[in-house]
Amino acid sequence: MIDTLVAHFGDIWPFILIGFGAQMIDGALGMAYGVISSTLLLTMGVPPSRASASVHLAETCTTGVSAISHILHRNVDWRLFAKLIIPGVIGGVTGAYLLSNIDSSVLKPFILTYLALIGIYLIWRGFHLPPKQRDPKWVAPLGLVGGFMDATGGGGWGPIVTSNLLLQGSSPRHTIGTVNTVEFVLTSAVSLTFLIHLGWQNFTTYTIGLLIGGVIAAPLGAMLARHVAPRILFSAVGVILTVTSVFGVAKYLGYIG
């Protein structure tokens, strides 16, 4: 019995560490849980569809808690929420459907390249101050693209939508609160789509490990946000994503054994 438990823990602990690390950063930045988790799962050889499905199912729990917290603290701009929710879900469901019904090996290098570009963008973002506050103009198209790329890449909703809204001058507090609240509905819809097309058998070790690690790290990420400058965190996440994604592409192309 003990040997069996040890064997199971040996299989799951890498995914617990991934969930823990990703949630620590996400708790401090309000983004990057999905992108980091997906990037590391892909570099470990997990198929893109299973990686994205596992990340989204685990993320449904973490974003649910986050959404409730933001609503209670009045951090949600409901007008912005209404503009994001429908295009975001449409993009997410479409991306999940396509990823579930095509050869995942064809998509892998493109997904890793996309994640590397997100990493480079976050590094750039870390060295630039936000613009003056104003109402964002590009919202619905941003939600559509963010939802689609989030589903196909296993993450990206926060980095794409939050960062672009901030660059347009949206209020940081309400942007983070609103985007995180929409993300709960988005991840729920994407997870349901994966369940329908892939089945429960695809939600195993990866999902359980991500859930355990994420739950443990959730309160610690919030503490980290109070002591580390956002600019440093943005740059750190960008470096992590860029390095891991480039490593994954090099491995896929055969440059790394």
Protein backbone atom coordinates (compact mmCIF):
# COMPACT_ATOMS: atom_id res chain seq x y z
CA MET A 1 0.00 0.00 0.00
CA ILE A 2 2.76 2.44 0.99
CA ASP A 3 4.80 1.48 -2.08
CA THR A 4 1.78 2.22 -4.28
CA LEU A 5 1.28 5.65 -2.70
CA VAL A 6 4.98 6.47 -3.12
CA ALA A 7 4.83 5.40 -6.78
CA HIS A 8 1.77 7.59 -7.40
CA PHE A 9 3.43 10.54 -5.67
CA GLY A 10 6.52 10.01 -7.83
CA ASP A 11 4.31 10.43 -10.90
CA ILE A 12 2.41 13.46 -9.67
CA TRP A 13 5.00 15.58 -7.83
CA PRO A 14 6.43 17.28 -10.98
CA PHE A 15 2.94 18.55 -11.81
CA ILE A 16 2.42 19.70 -8.21
CA LEU A 17 5.61 21.78 -8.54
CA ILE A 18 4.39 23.23 -11.86
CA GLY A 19 1.03 24.18 -10.35
CA PHE A 20 2.72 25.65 -7.29
CA GLY A 21 5.20 27.78 -9.23
CA ALA A 22 2.66 28.96 -11.77
CA GLN A 23 0.14 29.94 -9.08
CA MET A 24 2.80 31.79 -7.07
CA ILE A 25 3.51 34.00 -10.09
CA ASP A 26 -0.15 34.28 -11.05
CA GLY A 27 -1.07 35.36 -7.53
CA ALA A 28 1.48 38.17 -7.75
CA LEU A 29 0.73 39.28 -11.34
CA GLY A 30 -2.91 38.38 -11.89
CA MET A 31 -1.84 36.44 -15.00
CA ALA A 32 0.43 33.73 -16.41
CA TYR A 33 -0.84 30.62 -14.55
CA GLY A 34 -2.10 29.01 -17.74
CA VAL A 35 0.80 30.09 -19.94
CA ILE A 36 3.49 28.90 -17.54
CA SER A 37 1.72 25.61 -16.73
CA SER A 38 1.10 24.86 -20.39
CA THR A 39 4.65 25.76 -21.43
CA LEU A 40 6.20 23.44 -18.86
CA LEU A 41 3.76 20.59 -19.62
CA LEU A 42 4.55 20.85 -23.34
CA THR A 43 8.30 20.77 -22.71
CA MET A 44 7.75 17.60 -20.63
CA GLY A 45 6.16 15.92 -23.64
CA VAL A 46 2.48 16.26 -22.73
CA PRO A 47 0.32 16.49 -25.91
CA PRO A 48 -1.05 20.04 -26.52
CA SER A 49 -4.71 19.02 -26.21
CA ARG A 50 -4.15 17.21 -22.89
CA ALA A 51 -1.94 20.01 -21.57
CA SER A 52 -4.53 22.68 -22.36
CA ALA A 53 -7.41 20.54 -21.07
CA SER A 54 -5.65 19.82 -17.75
CA VAL A 55 -4.60 23.43 -17.24
CA HIS A 56 -8.10 24.75 -17.90
CA LEU A 57 -9.84 22.25 -15.63
CA ALA A 58 -7.43 23.06 -12.78
CA GLU A 59 -7.72 26.77 -13.52
CA THR A 60 -11.52 26.63 -13.25
CA CYS A 61 -11.13 26.15 -9.49
CA THR A 62 -8.50 28.86 -8.97
CA THR A 63 -10.30 31.44 -11.13
CA GLY A 64 -13.58 30.70 -9.35
CA VAL A 65 -12.09 31.70 -6.01
CA SER A 66 -10.41 34.72 -7.63
CA ALA A 67 -13.67 35.87 -9.24
CA ILE A 68 -15.58 35.75 -5.96
CA SER A 69 -12.84 37.72 -4.22
CA HIS A 70 -12.75 40.43 -6.89
CA ILE A 71 -16.55 40.78 -6.88
CA LEU A 72 -16.63 41.13 -3.09
CA HIS A 73 -13.90 43.78 -3.24
CA ARG A 74 -15.77 45.65 -6.02
CA ASN A 75 -12.90 45.31 -8.47
CA VAL A 76 -15.14 44.35 -11.40
CA ASP A 77 -16.14 46.84 -14.10
CA TRP A 78 -19.40 45.23 -15.24
CA ARG A 79 -19.52 47.24 -18.50
CA LEU A 80 -16.09 45.93 -19.42
CA PHE A 81 -17.19 42.45 -18.28
CA ALA A 82 -20.17 42.54 -20.68
CA LYS A 83 -17.92 43.52 -23.60
CA LEU A 84 -15.43 40.72 -22.93
CA ILE A 85 -17.57 37.76 -21.87
CA ILE A 86 -19.29 36.74 -25.14
CA PRO A 87 -16.35 37.13 -27.58
CA GLY A 88 -14.02 35.56 -25.00
CA VAL A 89 -16.17 32.43 -24.64
CA ILE A 90 -16.69 32.16 -28.41
CA GLY A 91 -12.95 32.36 -29.01
CA GLY A 92 -12.18 29.89 -26.22
CA VAL A 93 -14.73 27.26 -27.30
CA THR A 94 -13.61 27.56 -30.94
CA GLY A 95 -9.97 27.12 -29.98
CA ALA A 96 -10.74 24.12 -27.74
CA TYR A 97 -12.79 22.45 -30.49
CA LEU A 98 -10.04 22.87 -33.08
CA LEU A 99 -7.34 21.65 -30.69
CA SER A 100 -9.43 18.55 -29.85
CA ASN A 101 -10.00 17.53 -33.47
CA ILE A 102 -6.67 18.02 -35.28
CA ASP A 103 -3.23 16.43 -35.12
CA SER A 104 -1.64 18.00 -32.03
CA SER A 105 1.92 17.33 -33.20
CA VAL A 106 1.41 19.79 -36.05
CA LEU A 107 0.40 22.56 -33.64
CA LYS A 108 3.11 22.07 -31.02
CA PRO A 109 5.90 24.22 -32.54
CA PHE A 110 3.43 27.01 -33.38
CA ILE A 111 2.00 26.99 -29.85
CA LEU A 112 5.48 27.09 -28.30
CA THR A 113 6.46 29.94 -30.62
CA TYR A 114 3.33 31.83 -29.60
CA LEU A 115 4.17 31.33 -25.91
CA ALA A 116 7.74 32.54 -26.52
CA LEU A 117 6.39 35.72 -28.14
CA ILE A 118 4.17 36.26 -25.09
CA GLY A 119 7.27 35.93 -22.92
CA ILE A 120 9.20 38.48 -24.99
CA TYR A 121 6.23 40.84 -24.80
CA LEU A 122 6.11 40.56 -21.00
CA ILE A 123 9.83 41.36 -20.78
CA TRP A 124 9.20 44.47 -22.87
CA ARG A 125 6.16 45.31 -20.75
CA GLY A 126 8.24 45.17 -17.60
CA PHE A 127 10.40 48.07 -18.77
CA HIS A 128 7.56 50.40 -19.79
CA LEU A 129 5.33 52.45 -17.58
CA PRO A 130 1.53 52.25 -18.14
CA PRO A 131 -0.11 55.09 -20.11
CA LYS A 132 -2.54 57.64 -18.70
CA GLN A 133 -5.90 56.19 -17.65
CA ARG A 134 -8.70 56.22 -20.25
CA ASP A 135 -11.49 53.96 -21.52
CA PRO A 136 -10.14 51.17 -23.79
CA LYS A 137 -11.47 51.13 -27.38
CA TRP A 138 -10.46 47.64 -28.53
CA VAL A 139 -12.27 45.26 -26.19
CA ALA A 140 -14.47 42.70 -28.02
CA PRO A 141 -11.83 41.77 -30.68
CA LEU A 142 -9.28 41.49 -27.87
CA GLY A 143 -11.59 39.11 -25.98
CA LEU A 144 -12.11 36.95 -29.08
CA VAL A 145 -8.39 36.63 -29.82
CA GLY A 146 -7.50 36.19 -26.15
CA GLY A 147 -10.07 33.41 -25.69
CA PHE A 148 -8.94 31.57 -28.83
CA MET A 149 -5.23 31.78 -28.04
CA ASP A 150 -5.90 30.83 -24.41
CA ALA A 151 -7.60 27.58 -25.44
CA THR A 152 -5.15 26.60 -28.17
CA GLY A 153 -2.07 27.56 -26.16
CA GLY A 154 -3.27 26.37 -22.75
CA GLY A 155 -2.95 29.92 -21.47
CA GLY A 156 -2.63 33.51 -22.58
CA TRP A 157 -5.93 35.13 -21.59
CA GLY A 158 -4.35 37.19 -18.82
CA PRO A 159 -1.15 38.23 -20.62
CA ILE A 160 -2.98 39.12 -23.84
CA VAL A 161 -6.14 40.77 -22.50
CA THR A 162 -4.92 42.35 -19.27
CA SER A 163 -1.72 43.75 -20.78
CA ASN A 164 -3.45 45.16 -23.85
CA LEU A 165 -6.22 46.79 -21.79
CA LEU A 166 -3.60 48.37 -19.53
CA LEU A 167 -1.70 49.66 -22.55
CA GLN A 168 -4.95 51.24 -23.75
CA GLY A 169 -5.21 53.07 -20.43
CA SER A 170 -7.73 50.94 -18.52
CA SER A 171 -7.70 51.15 -14.71
CA PRO A 172 -5.26 48.49 -13.35
CA ARG A 173 -7.49 47.54 -10.41
CA HIS A 174 -10.66 47.09 -12.48
CA THR A 175 -8.82 45.55 -15.41
CA ILE A 176 -7.31 42.76 -13.31
CA GLY A 177 -10.55 42.18 -11.40
CA THR A 178 -12.72 42.12 -14.53
CA VAL A 179 -10.39 39.98 -16.66
CA ASN A 180 -10.03 37.43 -13.85
CA THR A 181 -13.80 37.26 -13.36
CA VAL A 182 -14.40 36.71 -17.08
CA GLU A 183 -11.66 34.08 -17.02
CA PHE A 184 -13.71 31.89 -14.67
CA VAL A 185 -16.54 31.69 -17.22
CA LEU A 186 -14.04 31.24 -20.06
CA THR A 187 -12.13 28.38 -18.41
CA SER A 188 -15.39 26.67 -17.47
CA ALA A 189 -16.60 26.78 -21.09
CA VAL A 190 -13.24 25.62 -22.45
CA SER A 191 -13.02 22.77 -19.91
CA LEU A 192 -16.54 21.62 -20.82
CA THR A 193 -15.62 21.63 -24.51
CA PHE A 194 -12.53 19.51 -23.82
CA LEU A 195 -14.58 17.10 -21.70
CA ILE A 196 -17.09 16.61 -24.51
CA HIS A 197 -14.44 16.00 -27.18
CA LEU A 198 -11.67 14.29 -25.18
CA GLY A 199 -13.46 12.55 -22.30
CA TRP A 200 -12.56 12.24 -18.61
CA GLN A 201 -9.64 9.88 -19.33
CA ASN A 202 -7.53 12.87 -20.36
CA PHE A 203 -7.87 14.50 -16.94
CA THR A 204 -5.53 12.42 -14.79
CA THR A 205 -2.14 12.99 -13.20
CA TYR A 206 -1.58 16.38 -14.84
CA THR A 207 -4.84 17.85 -13.54
CA ILE A 208 -4.55 16.51 -9.98
CA GLY A 209 -0.98 17.75 -9.64
CA LEU A 210 -1.81 21.23 -10.97
CA LEU A 211 -4.78 21.47 -8.58
CA ILE A 212 -2.78 20.47 -5.50
CA GLY A 213 0.12 22.78 -6.29
CA GLY A 214 -2.18 25.69 -7.14
CA VAL A 215 -4.20 25.40 -3.93
CA ILE A 216 -1.07 25.29 -1.77
CA ALA A 217 0.47 28.34 -3.48
CA ALA A 218 -2.64 30.52 -3.70
CA PRO A 219 -2.17 32.42 -0.39
CA LEU A 220 1.62 32.67 -0.87
CA GLY A 221 1.29 34.36 -4.27
CA ALA A 222 -0.74 37.18 -2.75
CA MET A 223 1.98 37.73 -0.14
CA LEU A 224 4.63 37.83 -2.88
CA ALA A 225 2.72 40.57 -4.68
CA ARG A 226 3.10 42.85 -1.66
CA HIS A 227 6.90 42.63 -1.53
CA VAL A 228 8.11 42.39 -5.16
CA ALA A 229 7.75 45.20 -7.71
CA PRO A 230 5.37 44.33 -10.59
CA ARG A 231 8.01 45.43 -13.13
CA ILE A 232 10.41 42.78 -11.81
CA LEU A 233 7.71 40.11 -11.85
CA PHE A 234 6.67 40.94 -15.42
CA SER A 235 10.28 40.60 -16.59
CA ALA A 236 10.81 37.39 -14.59
CA VAL A 237 7.74 35.73 -16.09
CA GLY A 238 8.80 36.83 -19.56
CA VAL A 239 12.24 35.29 -19.12
CA ILE A 240 10.76 32.01 -17.83
CA LEU A 241 8.27 31.72 -20.70
CA THR A 242 10.80 32.65 -23.38
CA VAL A 243 13.47 30.24 -22.16
CA THR A 244 11.11 27.27 -21.66
CA SER A 245 9.32 27.84 -24.97
CA VAL A 246 12.53 28.21 -26.98
CA PHE A 247 13.80 25.05 -25.28
CA GLY A 248 10.60 23.25 -26.31
CA VAL A 249 10.89 24.38 -29.93
CA ALA A 250 14.57 23.34 -30.06
CA LYS A 251 13.67 19.95 -28.63
CA TYR A 252 10.85 19.48 -31.13
CA LEU A 253 13.16 20.35 -34.04
CA GLY A 254 15.76 17.88 -32.81
CA TYR A 255 18.45 20.34 -31.74
CA ILE A 256 18.18 19.03 -28.16
CA GLY A 257 18.02 15.33 -27.37
